[in-house]
Amino acid sequence: MGMRNKTVLPAASFRALFRDLISASLLAAILRRCGLRRRRPPEITVAELLRALVFHVVAGAGTLAEHVKQLLGIDITDGALSQRRAVLPWDIFESIMAAALKPKASRKRHPDAFYQGLRLCGIDGTTFSISNTPQVKKRMKKARSRRGRAAFPKVGVAVMVELGLRNPLAAAMGAEGESEMVLMKQVLSAQPEKSLLINDRYSGTPALLVELPEAGERHFLVRVKANLTRRLLEVFPDGSALVEIGGGGKTRLVREVLGRVKRGQSGGFTTVRLWTSLVDWRACPAEELLALYGRRWEEEIFYKELKVDMRSTPMLQSHTPVTAVQEIAALILAYAMLVDYRISAATKGEVGVLRISFLKTLQVVQGLWRFLELSADLLGPDKVRLVVRRALRQITEAVIAPRRKRSCPRGLRQPVSSWPRIRRNTYRKGPIQYVVGEIYA
């Protein structure tokens, strides 16, 4: 169970923490199920290679071969490692992520991760750039834009995140040009029971919403476009309404919330239209849902931490499509491991988990792992626990100040679409105002 249901310190060394993420017996079972069997003594086993790959993406500067030497004490070239990675089935990484990525929030210790007893989740997509190597250019196409082809091919990713902790719950990725919608549908089945999925307008289509599961108290709160049609059934006293939506020959009853949102006293209101499966207006008032939808932006911060803080280069280090998706999977698994340190540091400092800096946590953990790998035979268990406690204290001392109540303009400096052009920096201060609007047939 690892850190999921306990308040103990996270495992000290990377090896122990990886075992907490996925046990050796479960990993061996996954490898057997994927058809990988040990036929002769290898220079590096598949389990060791997978562990080293996760260590590599979080260990900082250095090649994979250098990090294999540091972690396992095995001398092997990067070329040999690339050959081993090229024959690994993608099913292995899918199975490992399915087994390792689990909810970690506790209703008692992390109330911000819940609403009305429902675990808050979100799904969004992004892309990673990959270098223009011969293997990549042969198999991958560059996206077309108004200014021509993109500079680099992109690997698409969709991740379901546990809001309140920014803990990854499931992920799907594709190097064959799969759309964000295709990848998003692959991770929808991972939505936990008794949860609320908060998504943006991209997933706010009737055809997708009518297919979402209703069993296990799985709910959704989605922003939708203004031009989508529905059949009005009843208007509730809080200003929301019961409506019927349809798609693909199916129908579903949802609740519609139409509101206006503004930050501070200056500027105008933004109209927001939401559909939700939370049809009880007394238990879930419309104004609360308008405020709750803003939590979706935690998904964007998760991607910033995953793509910027965890990596030292603007592109993936991999040179083939196969190894590129492996690298992204390793990044997500490493992020999930670091969530345990943030939870422990937040508990020790008695602050919210998101007040613990992810970048500072990453930097402290990198130094901690290097030190413990070098001194594994010099320190006893008591000394190791003391070192970990001091590392957690250092992370806690770098707690982030409460977020300022301000908003930045939504636009581009050099727009390539319908977004307005930014000519000067502006932002609005003050609390957010929510006004529930009237709904008409």
Protein backbone atom coordinates (compact mmCIF):
# COMPACT_ATOMS: atom_id res chain seq x y z
CA MET A 1 0.00 0.00 0.00
CA GLY A 2 3.02 2.31 0.40
CA MET A 3 2.15 5.86 1.39
CA ARG A 4 -1.46 5.78 0.28
CA ASN A 5 -3.09 5.01 3.62
CA LYS A 6 -0.30 5.73 6.09
CA THR A 7 1.40 8.84 7.48
CA VAL A 8 4.87 7.34 7.80
CA LEU A 9 7.93 8.76 6.09
CA PRO A 10 8.33 7.90 2.42
CA ALA A 11 10.93 5.30 1.56
CA ALA A 12 14.40 6.77 1.91
CA SER A 13 16.21 5.55 -1.20
CA PHE A 14 14.95 5.44 -4.76
CA ARG A 15 14.97 1.64 -4.76
CA ALA A 16 12.73 1.44 -1.70
CA LEU A 17 10.40 4.12 -3.03
CA PHE A 18 10.09 2.33 -6.37
CA ARG A 19 9.15 -0.86 -4.50
CA ASP A 20 6.44 1.13 -2.73
CA LEU A 21 5.17 2.34 -6.10
CA ILE A 22 5.03 -1.18 -7.55
CA SER A 23 6.21 -4.32 -5.76
CA ALA A 24 8.80 -6.66 -7.24
CA SER A 25 6.31 -9.53 -7.37
CA LEU A 26 3.69 -7.44 -9.20
CA LEU A 27 6.31 -6.18 -11.66
CA ALA A 28 7.46 -9.75 -12.33
CA ALA A 29 3.85 -10.81 -12.93
CA ILE A 30 3.38 -7.96 -15.42
CA LEU A 31 6.52 -8.96 -17.31
CA ARG A 32 5.36 -12.59 -17.52
CA ARG A 33 1.89 -11.52 -18.68
CA CYS A 34 3.46 -9.40 -21.42
CA GLY A 35 5.40 -12.40 -22.71
CA LEU A 36 8.86 -11.48 -21.42
CA ARG A 37 10.65 -14.49 -19.99
CA ARG A 38 14.21 -14.82 -18.82
CA ARG A 39 16.01 -17.19 -21.19
CA ARG A 40 19.61 -16.57 -20.17
CA PRO A 41 21.39 -14.42 -17.58
CA PRO A 42 21.12 -10.88 -19.05
CA GLU A 43 23.56 -8.06 -18.49
CA ILE A 44 20.65 -6.02 -17.14
CA THR A 45 17.20 -7.45 -16.45
CA VAL A 46 14.03 -5.83 -17.76
CA ALA A 47 12.95 -4.97 -14.20
CA GLU A 48 16.30 -3.27 -13.57
CA LEU A 49 16.05 -1.39 -16.87
CA LEU A 50 12.57 -0.11 -16.03
CA ARG A 51 13.68 1.01 -12.59
CA ALA A 52 16.75 2.73 -14.03
CA LEU A 53 14.65 4.52 -16.66
CA VAL A 54 12.42 6.08 -13.98
CA PHE A 55 15.52 7.02 -11.96
CA HIS A 56 17.08 8.55 -15.08
CA VAL A 57 14.29 11.06 -15.74
CA VAL A 58 14.42 12.43 -12.20
CA ALA A 59 18.13 12.12 -11.36
CA GLY A 60 19.25 15.26 -13.19
CA ALA A 61 22.18 15.65 -15.57
CA GLY A 62 23.71 12.51 -17.05
CA THR A 63 23.07 9.80 -19.61
CA LEU A 64 21.00 6.70 -19.01
CA ALA A 65 24.17 4.59 -18.95
CA GLU A 66 25.67 6.82 -16.25
CA HIS A 67 22.54 6.55 -14.13
CA VAL A 68 22.43 2.76 -14.58
CA LYS A 69 25.99 2.67 -13.27
CA GLN A 70 25.04 4.95 -10.35
CA LEU A 71 21.90 3.03 -9.41
CA LEU A 72 22.79 -0.57 -10.23
CA GLY A 73 26.59 -0.63 -10.51
CA ILE A 74 26.34 -2.11 -14.02
CA ASP A 75 28.66 -0.98 -16.83
CA ILE A 76 26.67 -0.88 -20.07
CA THR A 77 26.70 1.46 -23.07
CA ASP A 78 23.88 3.77 -24.10
CA GLY A 79 23.75 1.93 -27.43
CA ALA A 80 23.10 -1.40 -25.73
CA LEU A 81 20.43 0.20 -23.54
CA SER A 82 18.73 1.69 -26.61
CA GLN A 83 18.61 -1.75 -28.23
CA ARG A 84 17.04 -3.23 -25.10
CA ARG A 85 14.45 -0.44 -24.93
CA ALA A 86 13.56 -0.78 -28.61
CA VAL A 87 12.18 -4.32 -28.10
CA LEU A 88 10.18 -3.59 -24.93
CA PRO A 89 6.42 -3.94 -25.60
CA TRP A 90 4.35 -0.87 -24.82
CA ASP A 91 1.97 -3.14 -22.88
CA ILE A 92 4.55 -3.28 -20.10
CA PHE A 93 4.41 0.47 -19.48
CA GLU A 94 0.61 0.56 -19.75
CA SER A 95 0.32 -2.23 -17.18
CA ILE A 96 2.82 -0.62 -14.81
CA MET A 97 1.01 2.73 -14.93
CA ALA A 98 -2.35 1.02 -14.40
CA ALA A 99 -0.98 -0.74 -11.31
CA ALA A 100 1.09 2.12 -9.86
CA LEU A 101 -1.05 5.23 -10.44
CA LYS A 102 -3.62 5.24 -7.63
CA PRO A 103 -5.55 7.84 -5.60
CA LYS A 104 -3.65 9.17 -2.57
CA ALA A 105 -5.84 11.90 -1.09
CA SER A 106 -7.47 11.37 2.30
CA ARG A 107 -10.77 13.11 3.11
CA LYS A 108 -9.54 13.90 6.62
CA ARG A 109 -6.05 15.18 5.77
CA HIS A 110 -6.75 16.65 2.30
CA PRO A 111 -10.22 18.23 2.35
CA ASP A 112 -9.34 20.45 -0.65
CA ALA A 113 -9.19 17.30 -2.81
CA PHE A 114 -12.90 16.57 -2.24
CA TYR A 115 -16.29 18.17 -2.80
CA GLN A 116 -19.36 16.81 -1.02
CA GLY A 117 -17.42 13.60 -0.37
CA LEU A 118 -16.45 13.25 -4.05
CA ARG A 119 -12.79 13.00 -5.06
CA LEU A 120 -11.90 15.79 -7.50
CA CYS A 121 -10.27 14.70 -10.78
CA GLY A 122 -9.46 16.32 -14.09
CA ILE A 123 -8.34 15.26 -17.57
CA ASP A 124 -6.48 17.32 -20.13
CA GLY A 125 -4.05 16.76 -22.96
CA THR A 126 -0.69 18.14 -23.99
CA THR A 127 2.17 17.37 -26.38
CA PHE A 128 5.89 16.74 -26.03
CA SER A 129 8.37 17.72 -28.75
CA ILE A 130 10.85 15.16 -30.07
CA SER A 131 14.05 15.72 -32.06
CA ASN A 132 14.13 15.42 -35.85
CA THR A 133 16.12 12.19 -35.99
CA PRO A 134 15.90 9.93 -39.08
CA GLN A 135 13.81 7.36 -37.18
CA VAL A 136 11.39 10.04 -36.02
CA LYS A 137 11.00 11.71 -39.43
CA LYS A 138 10.33 8.34 -41.02
CA ARG A 139 7.48 7.39 -38.68
CA MET A 140 6.01 10.66 -37.41
CA LYS A 141 4.36 13.59 -39.17
CA LYS A 142 4.64 17.20 -38.11
CA ALA A 143 1.49 19.13 -37.34
CA ARG A 144 0.42 21.74 -39.89
CA SER A 145 -0.23 25.31 -38.79
CA ARG A 146 -0.99 28.62 -40.51
CA ARG A 147 2.75 29.24 -40.85
CA GLY A 148 3.56 25.80 -42.25
CA ARG A 149 4.75 22.60 -40.63
CA ALA A 150 5.74 22.58 -36.96
CA ALA A 151 9.45 22.60 -36.17
CA PHE A 152 9.34 19.25 -34.35
CA PRO A 153 7.06 16.21 -34.30
CA LYS A 154 4.81 15.93 -31.26
CA VAL A 155 3.88 13.04 -28.97
CA GLY A 156 0.34 13.47 -27.62
CA VAL A 157 -0.46 12.77 -23.96
CA ALA A 158 -3.64 12.76 -21.87
CA VAL A 159 -3.42 12.44 -18.07
CA MET A 160 -6.11 12.13 -15.40
CA VAL A 161 -4.97 14.03 -12.30
CA GLU A 162 -6.23 13.92 -8.73
CA LEU A 163 -6.88 17.60 -7.99
CA GLY A 164 -5.75 18.89 -4.62
CA LEU A 165 -2.56 16.80 -4.82
CA ARG A 166 -1.84 16.92 -8.58
CA ASN A 167 -1.36 13.18 -8.37
CA PRO A 168 -1.53 11.32 -11.73
CA LEU A 169 -4.20 8.60 -11.80
CA ALA A 170 -3.96 7.37 -15.39
CA ALA A 171 -2.26 8.30 -18.64
CA ALA A 172 -2.45 7.57 -22.35
CA MET A 173 -0.01 8.65 -25.03
CA GLY A 174 0.51 8.14 -28.72
CA ALA A 175 3.19 8.87 -31.27
CA GLU A 176 1.00 8.06 -34.27
CA GLY A 177 -0.85 11.36 -34.45
CA GLU A 178 -3.73 10.33 -32.18
CA SER A 179 -6.04 13.20 -31.28
CA GLU A 180 -6.47 14.46 -27.74
CA MET A 181 -10.03 13.08 -27.76
CA VAL A 182 -8.83 9.58 -28.63
CA LEU A 183 -6.27 9.65 -25.81
CA MET A 184 -8.76 11.16 -23.38
CA LYS A 185 -11.26 8.36 -23.98
CA GLN A 186 -8.56 5.83 -23.10
CA VAL A 187 -8.15 7.23 -19.58
CA LEU A 188 -11.81 7.94 -18.79
CA SER A 189 -12.28 4.37 -17.54
CA ALA A 190 -9.77 5.08 -14.76
CA GLN A 191 -12.08 7.57 -13.01
CA PRO A 192 -12.32 6.40 -9.37
CA GLU A 193 -15.60 5.64 -7.66
CA LYS A 194 -17.19 8.50 -5.70
CA SER A 195 -15.41 11.16 -7.74
CA LEU A 196 -16.17 14.34 -9.68
CA LEU A 197 -14.46 14.82 -13.05
CA ILE A 198 -13.89 18.51 -13.95
CA ASN A 199 -13.10 19.11 -17.63
CA ASP A 200 -12.93 21.98 -20.10
CA ARG A 201 -14.96 22.65 -23.24
CA TYR A 202 -12.98 20.23 -25.39
CA SER A 203 -14.65 17.29 -23.65
CA GLY A 204 -17.98 19.09 -23.21
CA THR A 205 -19.80 17.35 -26.05
CA PRO A 206 -23.11 15.47 -25.69
CA ALA A 207 -21.74 12.43 -27.57
CA LEU A 208 -19.00 12.00 -24.96
CA LEU A 209 -21.03 12.91 -21.87
CA VAL A 210 -23.83 10.42 -22.53
CA GLU A 211 -21.20 7.65 -22.63
CA LEU A 212 -19.62 8.47 -19.27
CA PRO A 213 -20.32 5.80 -16.63
CA GLU A 214 -22.88 6.53 -13.92
CA ALA A 215 -22.16 3.54 -11.66
CA GLY A 216 -20.12 4.00 -8.51
CA GLU A 217 -21.09 7.66 -8.04
CA ARG A 218 -18.89 8.83 -10.88
CA HIS A 219 -19.93 12.40 -11.67
CA PHE A 220 -18.76 15.15 -14.02
CA LEU A 221 -18.70 18.96 -14.16
CA VAL A 222 -17.86 20.16 -17.66
CA ARG A 223 -17.84 23.52 -19.38
CA VAL A 224 -19.68 23.45 -22.71
CA LYS A 225 -19.96 25.73 -25.72
CA ALA A 226 -22.77 28.25 -25.96
CA ASN A 227 -24.14 26.87 -29.23
CA LEU A 228 -24.81 23.30 -28.01
CA THR A 229 -28.52 22.42 -28.01
CA ARG A 230 -30.46 20.61 -25.29
CA ARG A 231 -34.08 20.22 -24.15
CA LEU A 232 -35.06 22.28 -21.11
CA LEU A 233 -37.12 20.31 -18.57
CA GLU A 234 -37.18 22.30 -15.31
CA VAL A 235 -35.67 25.47 -13.83
CA PHE A 236 -34.54 25.18 -10.20
CA PRO A 237 -34.76 27.94 -7.54
CA ASP A 238 -30.96 28.44 -7.51
CA GLY A 239 -30.99 29.43 -11.19
CA SER A 240 -29.77 26.12 -12.60
CA ALA A 241 -31.94 23.85 -14.75
CA LEU A 242 -32.56 20.19 -15.52
CA VAL A 243 -31.97 19.53 -19.23
CA GLU A 244 -31.79 16.54 -21.54
CA ILE A 245 -28.82 16.06 -23.85
CA GLY A 246 -28.37 13.47 -26.57
CA GLY A 247 -25.73 11.97 -28.79
CA GLY A 248 -25.23 8.74 -30.73
CA GLY A 249 -28.85 7.72 -30.22
CA LYS A 250 -28.58 8.01 -26.41
CA THR A 251 -29.91 10.63 -24.01
CA ARG A 252 -29.00 11.71 -20.49
CA LEU A 253 -30.41 14.09 -17.89
CA VAL A 254 -27.91 16.68 -16.67
CA ARG A 255 -28.04 19.96 -14.83
CA GLU A 256 -27.11 23.18 -16.59
CA VAL A 257 -25.53 26.13 -14.81
CA LEU A 258 -25.18 29.43 -16.63
CA GLY A 259 -23.15 32.05 -14.84
CA ARG A 260 -20.94 35.08 -15.15
CA VAL A 261 -17.50 35.30 -13.57
CA LYS A 262 -15.30 38.35 -12.94
CA ARG A 263 -12.06 38.96 -11.07
CA GLY A 264 -11.89 42.17 -9.01
CA GLN A 265 -13.84 45.35 -9.70
CA SER A 266 -12.44 46.26 -13.12
CA GLY A 267 -13.10 44.59 -16.45
CA GLY A 268 -16.15 42.73 -17.64
CA PHE A 269 -17.80 39.43 -16.82
CA THR A 270 -17.04 36.14 -18.61
CA THR A 271 -20.01 33.90 -19.37
CA VAL A 272 -19.58 30.28 -18.27
CA ARG A 273 -21.95 27.45 -19.20
CA LEU A 274 -21.60 24.18 -17.30
CA TRP A 275 -23.22 20.75 -17.53
CA THR A 276 -23.03 18.41 -14.56
CA SER A 277 -24.41 15.07 -13.45
CA LEU A 278 -24.92 16.54 -9.95
CA VAL A 279 -28.64 17.17 -10.41
CA ASP A 280 -29.50 17.86 -6.74
CA TRP A 281 -29.52 21.67 -6.62
CA ARG A 282 -30.01 21.74 -2.84
CA ALA A 283 -26.87 19.69 -2.10
CA CYS A 284 -24.77 21.34 -4.84
CA PRO A 285 -25.83 25.00 -5.35
CA ALA A 286 -25.10 26.59 -8.72
CA GLU A 287 -22.78 29.25 -7.28
CA GLU A 288 -20.64 26.58 -5.59
CA LEU A 289 -20.26 24.72 -8.89
CA LEU A 290 -19.22 27.92 -10.68
CA ALA A 291 -16.46 28.43 -8.12
CA LEU A 292 -15.51 24.73 -8.17
CA TYR A 293 -14.93 24.71 -11.93
CA GLY A 294 -11.88 26.96 -11.47
CA ARG A 295 -10.06 24.04 -9.81
CA ARG A 296 -9.61 22.56 -13.29
CA TRP A 297 -6.57 24.81 -13.79
CA GLU A 298 -4.56 22.61 -11.43
CA GLU A 299 -4.21 20.24 -14.39
CA GLU A 300 -2.32 22.96 -16.29
CA ILE A 301 0.06 23.45 -13.35
CA PHE A 302 0.62 19.68 -13.23
CA TYR A 303 1.80 19.78 -16.86
CA LYS A 304 4.05 22.75 -16.11
CA GLU A 305 5.73 20.79 -13.31
CA LEU A 306 5.97 17.66 -15.46
CA LYS A 307 7.28 19.32 -18.62
CA VAL A 308 9.35 22.22 -17.25
CA ASP A 309 10.44 21.49 -13.69
CA MET A 310 11.31 17.81 -14.22
CA ARG A 311 13.21 18.30 -17.48
CA SER A 312 16.28 20.35 -18.33
CA THR A 313 15.65 20.45 -22.10
CA PRO A 314 12.70 21.74 -24.17
CA MET A 315 12.47 18.38 -25.97
CA LEU A 316 12.46 14.74 -25.01
CA GLN A 317 15.89 13.12 -24.81
CA SER A 318 14.70 10.08 -26.78
CA HIS A 319 15.53 9.70 -30.48
CA THR A 320 12.80 7.25 -31.58
CA PRO A 321 9.01 7.22 -31.22
CA VAL A 322 9.18 4.01 -29.15
CA THR A 323 11.62 5.38 -26.59
CA ALA A 324 9.83 8.75 -26.55
CA VAL A 325 6.60 7.29 -25.14
CA GLN A 326 8.68 5.24 -22.69
CA GLU A 327 10.36 8.42 -21.47
CA ILE A 328 7.01 10.16 -20.93
CA ALA A 329 5.69 7.14 -19.02
CA ALA A 330 8.81 7.22 -16.82
CA LEU A 331 8.28 10.94 -16.17
CA ILE A 332 4.71 10.33 -15.01
CA LEU A 333 5.76 7.44 -12.76
CA ALA A 334 8.57 9.54 -11.26
CA TYR A 335 6.11 12.39 -10.63
CA ALA A 336 3.82 9.98 -8.77
CA MET A 337 6.74 8.98 -6.56
CA LEU A 338 7.51 12.59 -5.70
CA VAL A 339 3.88 13.19 -4.66
CA ASP A 340 4.58 11.01 -1.59
CA TYR A 341 7.36 13.39 -0.48
CA ARG A 342 5.07 16.42 -0.93
CA ILE A 343 2.35 14.73 1.14
CA SER A 344 4.81 13.89 3.93
CA ALA A 345 6.34 17.39 3.91
CA ALA A 346 2.87 18.97 4.00
CA THR A 347 1.87 16.76 6.94
CA LYS A 348 5.05 17.66 8.81
CA GLY A 349 4.62 21.39 8.14
CA GLU A 350 0.83 21.31 8.70
CA VAL A 351 0.13 23.08 5.40
CA GLY A 352 -1.72 22.17 2.23
CA VAL A 353 0.07 19.82 -0.16
CA LEU A 354 0.04 22.37 -2.98
CA ARG A 355 1.84 24.85 -0.73
CA ILE A 356 4.87 22.53 -0.96
CA SER A 357 7.02 23.58 -3.93
CA PHE A 358 7.33 20.77 -6.46
CA LEU A 359 10.62 22.15 -7.83
CA LYS A 360 12.18 22.46 -4.37
CA THR A 361 10.97 18.95 -3.54
CA LEU A 362 12.58 17.62 -6.72
CA GLN A 363 15.90 19.32 -5.97
CA VAL A 364 16.05 18.07 -2.37
CA VAL A 365 15.07 14.53 -3.36
CA GLN A 366 17.71 14.40 -6.10
CA GLY A 367 20.40 15.23 -3.54
CA LEU A 368 18.89 12.85 -0.99
CA TRP A 369 18.89 9.90 -3.38
CA ARG A 370 22.48 10.54 -4.48
CA PHE A 371 23.63 10.72 -0.87
CA LEU A 372 21.81 7.57 0.21
CA GLU A 373 23.04 5.58 -2.78
CA LEU A 374 26.63 6.53 -1.88
CA SER A 375 26.27 5.94 1.85
CA ALA A 376 23.97 2.88 1.84
CA ASP A 377 26.60 0.70 3.58
CA LEU A 378 27.67 3.41 6.06
CA LEU A 379 24.38 4.44 7.69
CA GLY A 380 22.06 2.37 9.84
CA PRO A 381 18.25 2.58 9.63
CA ASP A 382 18.06 5.19 12.43
CA LYS A 383 20.54 7.48 10.67
CA VAL A 384 18.71 7.08 7.36
CA ARG A 385 15.39 8.05 8.97
CA LEU A 386 17.08 11.09 10.51
CA VAL A 387 18.42 12.16 7.10
CA VAL A 388 14.97 11.80 5.55
CA ARG A 389 13.36 13.83 8.35
CA ARG A 390 15.88 16.62 7.80
CA ALA A 391 15.22 16.52 4.06
CA LEU A 392 11.47 16.84 4.70
CA ARG A 393 12.12 19.75 7.05
CA GLN A 394 14.15 21.47 4.33
CA ILE A 395 11.27 20.98 1.87
CA THR A 396 8.77 22.33 4.40
CA GLU A 397 10.85 25.45 5.04
CA ALA A 398 10.48 26.34 1.34
CA VAL A 399 6.67 26.45 1.58
CA ILE A 400 5.00 28.59 -1.09
CA ALA A 401 3.15 31.71 0.01
CA PRO A 402 -0.64 31.69 -0.45
CA ARG A 403 -1.59 32.31 -4.06
CA ARG A 404 -2.38 35.94 -4.93
CA LYS A 405 -5.93 36.69 -5.99
CA ARG A 406 -5.26 37.91 -9.49
CA SER A 407 -5.82 36.83 -13.07
CA CYS A 408 -3.73 37.34 -16.19
CA PRO A 409 -5.06 38.24 -19.66
CA ARG A 410 -6.13 35.42 -21.96
CA GLY A 411 -4.39 36.24 -25.21
CA LEU A 412 -1.21 35.81 -27.24
CA ARG A 413 1.63 38.20 -28.03
CA GLN A 414 1.76 36.89 -31.60
CA PRO A 415 -1.65 35.30 -32.19
CA VAL A 416 -2.03 32.52 -34.74
CA SER A 417 -5.74 32.03 -34.11
CA SER A 418 -8.75 34.02 -32.96
CA TRP A 419 -7.17 34.86 -29.60
CA PRO A 420 -6.73 38.63 -29.03
CA ARG A 421 -3.25 40.03 -29.27
CA ILE A 422 -1.48 41.11 -26.07
CA ARG A 423 0.10 44.56 -26.50
CA ARG A 424 0.88 45.21 -22.83
CA ASN A 425 0.83 43.19 -19.63
CA THR A 426 -2.30 43.58 -17.51
CA TYR A 427 -3.96 41.66 -14.74
CA ARG A 428 -6.91 42.14 -12.40
CA LYS A 429 -6.73 41.87 -8.61
CA GLY A 430 -9.35 40.97 -6.04
CA PRO A 431 -11.72 38.13 -5.22
CA ILE A 432 -13.68 36.37 -7.94
CA GLN A 433 -17.35 37.32 -8.29
CA TYR A 434 -19.91 34.70 -9.39
CA VAL A 435 -23.36 35.59 -10.71
CA VAL A 436 -25.81 32.85 -11.68
CA GLY A 437 -27.63 33.81 -14.87
CA GLU A 438 -31.11 32.99 -16.12
CA ILE A 439 -31.60 29.90 -18.31
CA TYR A 440 -34.07 29.93 -21.19
CA ALA A 441 -35.40 27.18 -23.41
